[in-house]
Amino acid sequence: MNGLQVAKEILSQARYHFYRLSGVEVYGVQIDIFLHFLVGGIIFYLCRRRYPVIKSLAILTALILSKEIINVFAHSELRYIQNPRMDTFWDVVTSYAGAASVYLVSIRKPKAC
């Protein structure tokens, strides 16, 4: 196998495992939704420490949209997609919910953030 075939195989396996992980539920909530909430909050928190709120949201938006565009191309096998429109919707909404949670905590408890 050449290098390109090896890279394709590695990406295929990674995609398979990520999609299996996204089907896991904890207390009735998909782990994928929780991870988007958590990562959205962490990204916003890290950006917020350095930039104003609007710029932090712009960075988060750029990262979310980049991830979703990559997902469009990664979803070449339909067996991994349950409902692609709702998947994208919930990914974006939960990422912003994580950011909103961090923002609300930072307003109420400035020393916590």
PDB file of N, CA and C in Angstrom:
ATOM      1  N   MET A   1       0.842  -1.196   0.000  1.00  0.00           N
ATOM      2  CA  MET A   1       0.000   0.000   0.000  1.00  0.00           C
ATOM      3  C   MET A   1       0.882   1.252   0.000  1.00  0.00           C
ATOM      4  N   ASN A   2       0.439   2.234  -0.741  1.00  0.00           N
ATOM      5  CA  ASN A   2       1.180   3.490  -0.718  1.00  0.00           C
ATOM      6  C   ASN A   2       0.657   4.375   0.416  1.00  0.00           C
ATOM      7  N   GLY A   3       1.283   5.515   0.586  1.00  0.00           N
ATOM      8  CA  GLY A   3       0.939   6.400   1.698  1.00  0.00           C
ATOM      9  C   GLY A   3      -0.484   6.916   1.658  1.00  0.00           C
ATOM     10  N   LEU A   4      -0.990   7.189   0.454  1.00  0.00           N
ATOM     11  CA  LEU A   4      -2.353   7.701   0.328  1.00  0.00           C
ATOM     12  C   LEU A   4      -3.384   6.663   0.750  1.00  0.00           C
ATOM     13  N   GLN A   5      -3.157   5.425   0.371  1.00  0.00           N
ATOM     14  CA  GLN A   5      -4.081   4.357   0.763  1.00  0.00           C
ATOM     15  C   GLN A   5      -4.057   4.139   2.272  1.00  0.00           C
ATOM     16  N   VAL A   6      -2.879   4.225   2.866  1.00  0.00           N
ATOM     17  CA  VAL A   6      -2.762   4.078   4.320  1.00  0.00           C
ATOM     18  C   VAL A   6      -3.513   5.209   5.020  1.00  0.00           C
ATOM     19  N   ALA A   7      -3.336   6.439   4.526  1.00  0.00           N
ATOM     20  CA  ALA A   7      -4.035   7.582   5.124  1.00  0.00           C
ATOM     21  C   ALA A   7      -5.548   7.431   4.992  1.00  0.00           C
ATOM     22  N   LYS A   8      -6.018   6.978   3.826  1.00  0.00           N
ATOM     23  CA  LYS A   8      -7.457   6.765   3.639  1.00  0.00           C
ATOM     24  C   LYS A   8      -7.987   5.709   4.596  1.00  0.00           C
ATOM     25  N   GLU A   9      -7.226   4.644   4.794  1.00  0.00           N
ATOM     26  CA  GLU A   9      -7.653   3.579   5.704  1.00  0.00           C
ATOM     27  C   GLU A   9      -7.713   4.083   7.144  1.00  0.00           C
ATOM     28  N   ILE A  10      -6.721   4.861   7.544  1.00  0.00           N
ATOM     29  CA  ILE A  10      -6.703   5.416   8.902  1.00  0.00           C
ATOM     30  C   ILE A  10      -7.902   6.347   9.097  1.00  0.00           C
ATOM     31  N   LEU A  11      -8.162   7.221   8.118  1.00  0.00           N
ATOM     32  CA  LEU A  11      -9.307   8.131   8.214  1.00  0.00           C
ATOM     33  C   LEU A  11     -10.629   7.379   8.219  1.00  0.00           C
ATOM     34  N   SER A  12     -10.708   6.326   7.437  1.00  0.00           N
ATOM     35  CA  SER A  12     -11.927   5.520   7.406  1.00  0.00           C
ATOM     36  C   SER A  12     -12.190   4.872   8.765  1.00  0.00           C
ATOM     37  N   GLN A  13     -11.144   4.326   9.369  1.00  0.00           N
ATOM     38  CA  GLN A  13     -11.290   3.715  10.689  1.00  0.00           C
ATOM     39  C   GLN A  13     -11.646   4.759  11.747  1.00  0.00           C
ATOM     40  N   ALA A  14     -11.002   5.921  11.687  1.00  0.00           N
ATOM     41  CA  ALA A  14     -11.304   6.986  12.652  1.00  0.00           C
ATOM     42  C   ALA A  14     -12.754   7.427  12.515  1.00  0.00           C
ATOM     43  N   ARG A  15     -13.209   7.596  11.274  1.00  0.00           N
ATOM     44  CA  ARG A  15     -14.593   8.001  11.039  1.00  0.00           C
ATOM     45  C   ARG A  15     -15.561   6.958  11.590  1.00  0.00           C
ATOM     46  N   TYR A  16     -15.259   5.705  11.351  1.00  0.00           N
ATOM     47  CA  TYR A  16     -16.107   4.621  11.844  1.00  0.00           C
ATOM     48  C   TYR A  16     -16.222   4.674  13.368  1.00  0.00           C
ATOM     49  N   HIS A  17     -15.086   4.856  14.052  1.00  0.00           N
ATOM     50  CA  HIS A  17     -15.109   4.879  15.519  1.00  0.00           C
ATOM     51  C   HIS A  17     -15.802   6.135  16.061  1.00  0.00           C
ATOM     52  N   PHE A  18     -15.608   7.283  15.412  1.00  0.00           N
ATOM     53  CA  PHE A  18     -16.296   8.493  15.859  1.00  0.00           C
ATOM     54  C   PHE A  18     -17.802   8.367  15.704  1.00  0.00           C
ATOM     55  N   TYR A  19     -18.250   7.762  14.616  1.00  0.00           N
ATOM     56  CA  TYR A  19     -19.689   7.606  14.425  1.00  0.00           C
ATOM     57  C   TYR A  19     -20.274   6.566  15.366  1.00  0.00           C
ATOM     58  N   ARG A  20     -19.494   5.565  15.711  1.00  0.00           N
ATOM     59  CA  ARG A  20     -19.973   4.608  16.721  1.00  0.00           C
ATOM     60  C   ARG A  20     -20.083   5.305  18.067  1.00  0.00           C
ATOM     61  N   LEU A  21     -19.112   6.152  18.378  1.00  0.00           N
ATOM     62  CA  LEU A  21     -19.142   6.896  19.635  1.00  0.00           C
ATOM     63  C   LEU A  21     -20.348   7.826  19.687  1.00  0.00           C
ATOM     64  N   SER A  22     -20.696   8.437  18.568  1.00  0.00           N
ATOM     65  CA  SER A  22     -21.815   9.383  18.580  1.00  0.00           C
ATOM     66  C   SER A  22     -23.149   8.691  18.823  1.00  0.00           C
ATOM     67  N   GLY A  23     -23.217   7.382  18.661  1.00  0.00           N
ATOM     68  CA  GLY A  23     -24.454   6.654  18.922  1.00  0.00           C
ATOM     69  C   GLY A  23     -24.620   6.234  20.372  1.00  0.00           C
ATOM     70  N   VAL A  24     -23.576   6.420  21.187  1.00  0.00           N
ATOM     71  CA  VAL A  24     -23.626   6.031  22.597  1.00  0.00           C
ATOM     72  C   VAL A  24     -24.496   7.026  23.363  1.00  0.00           C
ATOM     73  N   GLU A  25     -25.335   6.504  24.244  1.00  0.00           N
ATOM     74  CA  GLU A  25     -26.188   7.365  25.063  1.00  0.00           C
ATOM     75  C   GLU A  25     -25.872   7.171  26.538  1.00  0.00           C
ATOM     76  N   VAL A  26     -25.873   8.264  27.281  1.00  0.00           N
ATOM     77  CA  VAL A  26     -25.690   8.242  28.728  1.00  0.00           C
ATOM     78  C   VAL A  26     -26.900   8.945  29.326  1.00  0.00           C
ATOM     79  N   TYR A  27     -27.672   8.236  30.112  1.00  0.00           N
ATOM     80  CA  TYR A  27     -28.905   8.758  30.704  1.00  0.00           C
ATOM     81  C   TYR A  27     -29.844   9.319  29.630  1.00  0.00           C
ATOM     82  N   GLY A  28     -29.893   8.677  28.489  1.00  0.00           N
ATOM     83  CA  GLY A  28     -30.795   9.079  27.419  1.00  0.00           C
ATOM     84  C   GLY A  28     -30.309  10.231  26.557  1.00  0.00           C
ATOM     85  N   VAL A  29     -29.111  10.738  26.824  1.00  0.00           N
ATOM     86  CA  VAL A  29     -28.553  11.841  26.038  1.00  0.00           C
ATOM     87  C   VAL A  29     -27.371  11.303  25.240  1.00  0.00           C
ATOM     88  N   GLN A  30     -27.357  11.592  23.944  1.00  0.00           N
ATOM     89  CA  GLN A  30     -26.240  11.136  23.128  1.00  0.00           C
ATOM     90  C   GLN A  30     -24.954  11.805  23.586  1.00  0.00           C
ATOM     91  N   ILE A  31     -23.892  11.020  23.660  1.00  0.00           N
ATOM     92  CA  ILE A  31     -22.599  11.540  24.102  1.00  0.00           C
ATOM     93  C   ILE A  31     -22.113  12.623  23.139  1.00  0.00           C
ATOM     94  N   ASP A  32     -22.507  12.520  21.874  1.00  0.00           N
ATOM     95  CA  ASP A  32     -22.142  13.508  20.865  1.00  0.00           C
ATOM     96  C   ASP A  32     -22.654  14.894  21.251  1.00  0.00           C
ATOM     97  N   ILE A  33     -23.872  14.967  21.735  1.00  0.00           N
ATOM     98  CA  ILE A  33     -24.454  16.249  22.145  1.00  0.00           C
ATOM     99  C   ILE A  33     -23.698  16.809  23.344  1.00  0.00           C
ATOM    100  N   PHE A  34     -23.406  15.960  24.310  1.00  0.00           N
ATOM    101  CA  PHE A  34     -22.659  16.401  25.492  1.00  0.00           C
ATOM    102  C   PHE A  34     -21.274  16.910  25.102  1.00  0.00           C
ATOM    103  N   LEU A  35     -20.594  16.195  24.205  1.00  0.00           N
ATOM    104  CA  LEU A  35     -19.252  16.609  23.794  1.00  0.00           C
ATOM    105  C   LEU A  35     -19.276  17.945  23.050  1.00  0.00           C
ATOM    106  N   HIS A  36     -20.289  18.180  22.216  1.00  0.00           N
ATOM    107  CA  HIS A  36     -20.394  19.473  21.542  1.00  0.00           C
ATOM    108  C   HIS A  36     -20.632  20.593  22.560  1.00  0.00           C
ATOM    109  N   PHE A  37     -21.462  20.339  23.550  1.00  0.00           N
ATOM    110  CA  PHE A  37     -21.711  21.313  24.613  1.00  0.00           C
ATOM    111  C   PHE A  37     -20.408  21.636  25.344  1.00  0.00           C
ATOM    112  N   LEU A  38     -19.684  20.593  25.721  1.00  0.00           N
ATOM    113  CA  LEU A  38     -18.443  20.753  26.472  1.00  0.00           C
ATOM    114  C   LEU A  38     -17.373  21.467  25.649  1.00  0.00           C
ATOM    115  N   VAL A  39     -17.158  21.024  24.434  1.00  0.00           N
ATOM    116  CA  VAL A  39     -16.120  21.627  23.592  1.00  0.00           C
ATOM    117  C   VAL A  39     -16.484  23.062  23.216  1.00  0.00           C
ATOM    118  N   GLY A  40     -17.757  23.328  22.930  1.00  0.00           N
ATOM    119  CA  GLY A  40     -18.184  24.700  22.646  1.00  0.00           C
ATOM    120  C   GLY A  40     -17.917  25.621  23.830  1.00  0.00           C
ATOM    121  N   GLY A  41     -18.202  25.132  25.030  1.00  0.00           N
ATOM    122  CA  GLY A  41     -17.937  25.920  26.233  1.00  0.00           C
ATOM    123  C   GLY A  41     -16.456  26.149  26.467  1.00  0.00           C
ATOM    124  N   ILE A  42     -15.653  25.123  26.251  1.00  0.00           N
ATOM    125  CA  ILE A  42     -14.204  25.248  26.452  1.00  0.00           C
ATOM    126  C   ILE A  42     -13.601  26.225  25.447  1.00  0.00           C
ATOM    127  N   ILE A  43     -13.989  26.102  24.188  1.00  0.00           N
ATOM    128  CA  ILE A  43     -13.460  27.014  23.163  1.00  0.00           C
ATOM    129  C   ILE A  43     -13.849  28.453  23.490  1.00  0.00           C
ATOM    130  N   PHE A  44     -15.105  28.671  23.861  1.00  0.00           N
ATOM    131  CA  PHE A  44     -15.550  30.023  24.195  1.00  0.00           C
ATOM    132  C   PHE A  44     -14.800  30.542  25.416  1.00  0.00           C
ATOM    133  N   TYR A  45     -14.609  29.704  26.422  1.00  0.00           N
ATOM    134  CA  TYR A  45     -13.890  30.112  27.633  1.00  0.00           C
ATOM    135  C   TYR A  45     -12.462  30.539  27.299  1.00  0.00           C
ATOM    136  N   LEU A  46     -11.775  29.730  26.500  1.00  0.00           N
ATOM    137  CA  LEU A  46     -10.392  30.051  26.150  1.00  0.00           C
ATOM    138  C   LEU A  46     -10.310  31.326  25.312  1.00  0.00           C
ATOM    139  N   CYS A  47     -11.234  31.497  24.393  1.00  0.00           N
ATOM    140  CA  CYS A  47     -11.253  32.718  23.579  1.00  0.00           C
ATOM    141  C   CYS A  47     -11.629  33.929  24.423  1.00  0.00           C
ATOM    142  N   ARG A  48     -12.550  33.738  25.329  1.00  0.00           N
ATOM    143  CA  ARG A  48     -13.061  34.841  26.161  1.00  0.00           C
ATOM    144  C   ARG A  48     -11.983  35.400  27.074  1.00  0.00           C
ATOM    145  N   ARG A  49     -11.039  34.578  27.449  1.00  0.00           N
ATOM    146  CA  ARG A  49      -9.952  35.053  28.308  1.00  0.00           C
ATOM    147  C   ARG A  49      -9.065  36.056  27.580  1.00  0.00           C
ATOM    148  N   ARG A  50      -9.067  35.997  26.258  1.00  0.00           N
ATOM    149  CA  ARG A  50      -8.177  36.850  25.487  1.00  0.00           C
ATOM    150  C   ARG A  50      -8.904  37.908  24.648  1.00  0.00           C
ATOM    151  N   TYR A  51     -10.108  37.594  24.211  1.00  0.00           N
ATOM    152  CA  TYR A  51     -10.836  38.464  23.287  1.00  0.00           C
ATOM    153  C   TYR A  51     -12.177  38.885  23.877  1.00  0.00           C
ATOM    154  N   PRO A  52     -12.771  39.947  23.320  1.00  0.00           N
ATOM    155  CA  PRO A  52     -14.125  40.330  23.758  1.00  0.00           C
ATOM    156  C   PRO A  52     -15.163  39.282  23.326  1.00  0.00           C
ATOM    157  N   VAL A  53     -16.364  39.429  23.854  1.00  0.00           N
ATOM    158  CA  VAL A  53     -17.420  38.435  23.640  1.00  0.00           C
ATOM    159  C   VAL A  53     -17.713  38.221  22.158  1.00  0.00           C
ATOM    160  N   ILE A  54     -17.881  39.288  21.409  1.00  0.00           N
ATOM    161  CA  ILE A  54     -18.252  39.164  19.992  1.00  0.00           C
ATOM    162  C   ILE A  54     -17.163  38.438  19.210  1.00  0.00           C
ATOM    163  N   LYS A  55     -15.923  38.781  19.456  1.00  0.00           N
ATOM    164  CA  LYS A  55     -14.827  38.114  18.740  1.00  0.00           C
ATOM    165  C   LYS A  55     -14.736  36.647  19.152  1.00  0.00           C
ATOM    166  N   SER A  56     -14.978  36.361  20.419  1.00  0.00           N
ATOM    167  CA  SER A  56     -14.976  34.971  20.890  1.00  0.00           C
ATOM    168  C   SER A  56     -16.075  34.170  20.208  1.00  0.00           C
ATOM    169  N   LEU A  57     -17.261  34.769  20.073  1.00  0.00           N
ATOM    170  CA  LEU A  57     -18.359  34.097  19.369  1.00  0.00           C
ATOM    171  C   LEU A  57     -18.042  33.909  17.886  1.00  0.00           C
ATOM    172  N   ALA A  58     -17.355  34.881  17.299  1.00  0.00           N
ATOM    173  CA  ALA A  58     -16.977  34.758  15.887  1.00  0.00           C
ATOM    174  C   ALA A  58     -15.994  33.607  15.689  1.00  0.00           C
ATOM    175  N   ILE A  59     -15.049  33.469  16.597  1.00  0.00           N
ATOM    176  CA  ILE A  59     -14.092  32.362  16.514  1.00  0.00           C
ATOM    177  C   ILE A  59     -14.812  31.034  16.696  1.00  0.00           C
ATOM    178  N   LEU A  60     -15.697  30.966  17.684  1.00  0.00           N
ATOM    179  CA  LEU A  60     -16.470  29.741  17.901  1.00  0.00           C
ATOM    180  C   LEU A  60     -17.312  29.411  16.671  1.00  0.00           C
ATOM    181  N   THR A  61     -17.946  30.419  16.092  1.00  0.00           N
ATOM    182  CA  THR A  61     -18.762  30.200  14.895  1.00  0.00           C
ATOM    183  C   THR A  61     -17.916  29.679  13.740  1.00  0.00           C
ATOM    184  N   ALA A  62     -16.746  30.265  13.537  1.00  0.00           N
ATOM    185  CA  ALA A  62     -15.864  29.809  12.457  1.00  0.00           C
ATOM    186  C   ALA A  62     -15.451  28.356  12.664  1.00  0.00           C
ATOM    187  N   LEU A  63     -15.137  27.999  13.897  1.00  0.00           N
ATOM    188  CA  LEU A  63     -14.737  26.616  14.175  1.00  0.00           C
ATOM    189  C   LEU A  63     -15.907  25.647  14.003  1.00  0.00           C
ATOM    190  N   ILE A  64     -17.088  26.047  14.456  1.00  0.00           N
ATOM    191  CA  ILE A  64     -18.266  25.181  14.299  1.00  0.00           C
ATOM    192  C   ILE A  64     -18.570  24.968  12.819  1.00  0.00           C
ATOM    193  N   LEU A  65     -18.576  26.057  12.054  1.00  0.00           N
ATOM    194  CA  LEU A  65     -18.880  25.937  10.623  1.00  0.00           C
ATOM    195  C   LEU A  65     -17.820  25.117   9.890  1.00  0.00           C
ATOM    196  N   SER A  66     -16.564  25.292  10.265  1.00  0.00           N
ATOM    197  CA  SER A  66     -15.499  24.481   9.659  1.00  0.00           C
ATOM    198  C   SER A  66     -15.717  23.009   9.949  1.00  0.00           C
ATOM    199  N   LYS A  67     -16.060  22.702  11.180  1.00  0.00           N
ATOM    200  CA  LYS A  67     -16.295  21.309  11.562  1.00  0.00           C
ATOM    201  C   LYS A  67     -17.482  20.731  10.802  1.00  0.00           C
ATOM    202  N   GLU A  68     -18.530  21.512  10.642  1.00  0.00           N
ATOM    203  CA  GLU A  68     -19.711  21.022   9.933  1.00  0.00           C
ATOM    204  C   GLU A  68     -19.441  20.845   8.439  1.00  0.00           C
ATOM    205  N   ILE A  69     -18.635  21.714   7.853  1.00  0.00           N
ATOM    206  CA  ILE A  69     -18.259  21.541   6.444  1.00  0.00           C
ATOM    207  C   ILE A  69     -17.437  20.274   6.273  1.00  0.00           C
ATOM    208  N   ILE A  70     -16.522  20.035   7.193  1.00  0.00           N
ATOM    209  CA  ILE A  70     -15.741  18.794   7.146  1.00  0.00           C
ATOM    210  C   ILE A  70     -16.666  17.593   7.295  1.00  0.00           C
ATOM    211  N   ASN A  71     -17.660  17.701   8.165  1.00  0.00           N
ATOM    212  CA  ASN A  71     -18.624  16.607   8.340  1.00  0.00           C
ATOM    213  C   ASN A  71     -19.371  16.291   7.051  1.00  0.00           C
ATOM    214  N   VAL A  72     -19.702  17.322   6.280  1.00  0.00           N
ATOM    215  CA  VAL A  72     -20.419  17.096   5.023  1.00  0.00           C
ATOM    216  C   VAL A  72     -19.598  16.194   4.109  1.00  0.00           C
ATOM    217  N   PHE A  73     -18.305  16.459   4.025  1.00  0.00           N
ATOM    218  CA  PHE A  73     -17.448  15.646   3.164  1.00  0.00           C
ATOM    219  C   PHE A  73     -17.121  14.301   3.799  1.00  0.00           C
ATOM    220  N   ALA A  74     -17.111  14.244   5.117  1.00  0.00           N
ATOM    221  CA  ALA A  74     -16.805  12.983   5.801  1.00  0.00           C
ATOM    222  C   ALA A  74     -17.980  12.016   5.754  1.00  0.00           C
ATOM    223  N   HIS A  75     -19.175  12.536   5.558  1.00  0.00           N
ATOM    224  CA  HIS A  75     -20.372  11.688   5.529  1.00  0.00           C
ATOM    225  C   HIS A  75     -20.576  11.053   4.162  1.00  0.00           C
ATOM    226  N   SER A  76     -19.541  10.436   3.655  1.00  0.00           N
ATOM    227  CA  SER A  76     -19.674   9.831   2.333  1.00  0.00           C
ATOM    228  C   SER A  76     -20.414   8.504   2.389  1.00  0.00           C
ATOM    229  N   GLU A  77     -20.533   7.923   3.571  1.00  0.00           N
ATOM    230  CA  GLU A  77     -21.261   6.669   3.710  1.00  0.00           C
ATOM    231  C   GLU A  77     -22.545   6.941   4.489  1.00  0.00           C
ATOM    232  N   LEU A  78     -23.675   6.736   3.839  1.00  0.00           N
ATOM    233  CA  LEU A  78     -24.962   7.083   4.437  1.00  0.00           C
ATOM    234  C   LEU A  78     -25.318   6.240   5.644  1.00  0.00           C
ATOM    235  N   ARG A  79     -24.665   5.104   5.825  1.00  0.00           N
ATOM    236  CA  ARG A  79     -25.012   4.271   6.985  1.00  0.00           C
ATOM    237  C   ARG A  79     -24.674   4.960   8.305  1.00  0.00           C
ATOM    238  N   TYR A  80     -23.785   5.955   8.275  1.00  0.00           N
ATOM    239  CA  TYR A  80     -23.406   6.646   9.504  1.00  0.00           C
ATOM    240  C   TYR A  80     -24.361   7.771   9.872  1.00  0.00           C
ATOM    241  N   ILE A  81     -25.178   8.223   8.936  1.00  0.00           N
ATOM    242  CA  ILE A  81     -26.026   9.393   9.159  1.00  0.00           C
ATOM    243  C   ILE A  81     -27.439   8.944   9.490  1.00  0.00           C
ATOM    244  N   GLN A  82     -27.931   9.341  10.673  1.00  0.00           N
ATOM    245  CA  GLN A  82     -29.322   9.041  10.989  1.00  0.00           C
ATOM    246  C   GLN A  82     -30.226  10.116  10.402  1.00  0.00           C
ATOM    247  N   ASN A  83     -29.987  11.356  10.712  1.00  0.00           N
ATOM    248  CA  ASN A  83     -30.757  12.476  10.177  1.00  0.00           C
ATOM    249  C   ASN A  83     -29.791  13.653  10.038  1.00  0.00           C
ATOM    250  N   PRO A  84     -29.187  13.832   8.859  1.00  0.00           N
ATOM    251  CA  PRO A  84     -28.097  14.800   8.726  1.00  0.00           C
ATOM    252  C   PRO A  84     -28.471  16.239   9.053  1.00  0.00           C
ATOM    253  N   ARG A  85     -29.669  16.673   8.703  1.00  0.00           N
ATOM    254  CA  ARG A  85     -30.041  18.062   8.998  1.00  0.00           C
ATOM    255  C   ARG A  85     -30.154  18.294  10.495  1.00  0.00           C
ATOM    256  N   MET A  86     -30.802  17.384  11.188  1.00  0.00           N
ATOM    257  CA  MET A  86     -30.958  17.536  12.635  1.00  0.00           C
ATOM    258  C   MET A  86     -29.627  17.345  13.344  1.00  0.00           C
ATOM    259  N   ASP A  87     -28.759  16.498  12.814  1.00  0.00           N
ATOM    260  CA  ASP A  87     -27.439  16.299  13.402  1.00  0.00           C
ATOM    261  C   ASP A  87     -26.659  17.612  13.376  1.00  0.00           C
ATOM    262  N   THR A  88     -26.643  18.266  12.247  1.00  0.00           N
ATOM    263  CA  THR A  88     -25.950  19.553  12.122  1.00  0.00           C
ATOM    264  C   THR A  88     -26.597  20.598  13.023  1.00  0.00           C
ATOM    265  N   PHE A  89     -27.910  20.647  13.039  1.00  0.00           N
ATOM    266  CA  PHE A  89     -28.635  21.602  13.879  1.00  0.00           C
ATOM    267  C   PHE A  89     -28.262  21.426  15.346  1.00  0.00           C
ATOM    268  N   TRP A  90     -28.320  20.188  15.846  1.00  0.00           N
ATOM    269  CA  TRP A  90     -28.023  19.951  17.254  1.00  0.00           C
ATOM    270  C   TRP A  90     -26.556  20.175  17.573  1.00  0.00           C
ATOM    271  N   ASP A  91     -25.659  19.896  16.645  1.00  0.00           N
ATOM    272  CA  ASP A  91     -24.242  20.185  16.867  1.00  0.00           C
ATOM    273  C   ASP A  91     -24.032  21.676  17.098  1.00  0.00           C
ATOM    274  N   VAL A  92     -24.632  22.492  16.261  1.00  0.00           N
ATOM    275  CA  VAL A  92     -24.475  23.950  16.362  1.00  0.00           C
ATOM    276  C   VAL A  92     -25.152  24.479  17.621  1.00  0.00           C
ATOM    277  N   VAL A  93     -26.381  24.055  17.867  1.00  0.00           N
ATOM    278  CA  VAL A  93     -27.132  24.547  19.030  1.00  0.00           C
ATOM    279  C   VAL A  93     -26.433  24.180  20.337  1.00  0.00           C
ATOM    280  N   THR A  94     -25.966  22.952  20.458  1.00  0.00           N
ATOM    281  CA  THR A  94     -25.334  22.557  21.719  1.00  0.00           C
ATOM    282  C   THR A  94     -23.978  23.229  21.910  1.00  0.00           C
ATOM    283  N   SER A  95     -23.269  23.509  20.820  1.00  0.00           N
ATOM    284  CA  SER A  95     -22.004  24.245  20.951  1.00  0.00           C
ATOM    285  C   SER A  95     -22.260  25.654  21.474  1.00  0.00           C
ATOM    286  N   TYR A  96     -23.281  26.325  20.929  1.00  0.00           N
ATOM    287  CA  TYR A  96     -23.637  27.659  21.420  1.00  0.00           C
ATOM    288  C   TYR A  96     -24.203  27.609  22.839  1.00  0.00           C
ATOM    289  N   ALA A  97     -24.903  26.550  23.180  1.00  0.00           N
ATOM    290  CA  ALA A  97     -25.415  26.414  24.551  1.00  0.00           C
ATOM    291  C   ALA A  97     -24.255  26.302  25.537  1.00  0.00           C
ATOM    292  N   GLY A  98     -23.214  25.585  25.159  1.00  0.00           N
ATOM    293  CA  GLY A  98     -22.024  25.501  26.008  1.00  0.00           C
ATOM    294  C   GLY A  98     -21.383  26.865  26.186  1.00  0.00           C
ATOM    295  N   ALA A  99     -21.292  27.627  25.097  1.00  0.00           N
ATOM    296  CA  ALA A  99     -20.731  28.978  25.174  1.00  0.00           C
ATOM    297  C   ALA A  99     -21.609  29.881  26.038  1.00  0.00           C
ATOM    298  N   ALA A 100     -22.924  29.774  25.883  1.00  0.00           N
ATOM    299  CA  ALA A 100     -23.844  30.590  26.684  1.00  0.00           C
ATOM    300  C   ALA A 100     -23.720  30.255  28.164  1.00  0.00           C
ATOM    301  N   SER A 101     -23.539  28.988  28.476  1.00  0.00           N
ATOM    302  CA  SER A 101     -23.377  28.580  29.877  1.00  0.00           C
ATOM    303  C   SER A 101     -22.124  29.200  30.480  1.00  0.00           C
ATOM    304  N   VAL A 102     -21.039  29.151  29.738  1.00  0.00           N
ATOM    305  CA  VAL A 102     -19.790  29.755  30.222  1.00  0.00           C
ATOM    306  C   VAL A 102     -19.974  31.260  30.397  1.00  0.00           C
ATOM    307  N   TYR A 103     -20.636  31.900  29.457  1.00  0.00           N
ATOM    308  CA  TYR A 103     -20.862  33.341  29.541  1.00  0.00           C
ATOM    309  C   TYR A 103     -21.705  33.697  30.762  1.00  0.00           C
ATOM    310  N   LEU A 104     -22.771  32.943  31.005  1.00  0.00           N
ATOM    311  CA  LEU A 104     -23.630  33.222  32.159  1.00  0.00           C
ATOM    312  C   LEU A 104     -22.896  33.015  33.474  1.00  0.00           C
ATOM    313  N   VAL A 105     -22.069  31.989  33.545  1.00  0.00           N
ATOM    314  CA  VAL A 105     -21.278  31.771  34.760  1.00  0.00           C
ATOM    315  C   VAL A 105     -20.284  32.912  34.940  1.00  0.00           C
ATOM    316  N   SER A 106     -19.673  33.369  33.858  1.00  0.00           N
ATOM    317  CA  SER A 106     -18.684  34.448  33.969  1.00  0.00           C
ATOM    318  C   SER A 106     -19.323  35.767  34.397  1.00  0.00           C
ATOM    319  N   ILE A 107     -20.592  35.977  34.056  1.00  0.00           N
ATOM    320  CA  ILE A 107     -21.291  37.192  34.489  1.00  0.00           C
ATOM    321  C   ILE A 107     -21.637  37.103  35.970  1.00  0.00           C
ATOM    322  N   ARG A 108     -22.141  35.963  36.386  1.00  0.00           N
ATOM    323  CA  ARG A 108     -22.581  35.807  37.777  1.00  0.00           C
ATOM    324  C   ARG A 108     -21.420  35.633  38.746  1.00  0.00           C
ATOM    325  N   LYS A 109     -20.411  34.912  38.325  1.00  0.00           N
ATOM    326  CA  LYS A 109     -19.261  34.636  39.193  1.00  0.00           C
ATOM    327  C   LYS A 109     -17.983  34.986  38.437  1.00  0.00           C
ATOM    328  N   PRO A 110     -17.613  36.251  38.386  1.00  0.00           N
ATOM    329  CA  PRO A 110     -16.453  36.663  37.592  1.00  0.00           C
ATOM    330  C   PRO A 110     -15.154  35.961  37.991  1.00  0.00           C
ATOM    331  N   LYS A 111     -15.008  35.623  39.253  1.00  0.00           N
ATOM    332  CA  LYS A 111     -13.780  34.961  39.692  1.00  0.00           C
ATOM    333  C   LYS A 111     -13.732  33.499  39.281  1.00  0.00           C
ATOM    334  N   ALA A 112     -14.882  32.916  38.944  1.00  0.00           N
ATOM    335  CA  ALA A 112     -14.920  31.509  38.526  1.00  0.00           C
ATOM    336  C   ALA A 112     -14.307  31.338  37.143  1.00  0.00           C
ATOM    337  N   CYS A 113     -14.362  32.373  36.345  1.00  0.00           N
ATOM    338  CA  CYS A 113     -13.814  32.289  34.977  1.00  0.00           C
ATOM    339  C   CYS A 113     -12.637  33.193  34.882  1.00  0.00           C
TER     340      CYS A 113
END
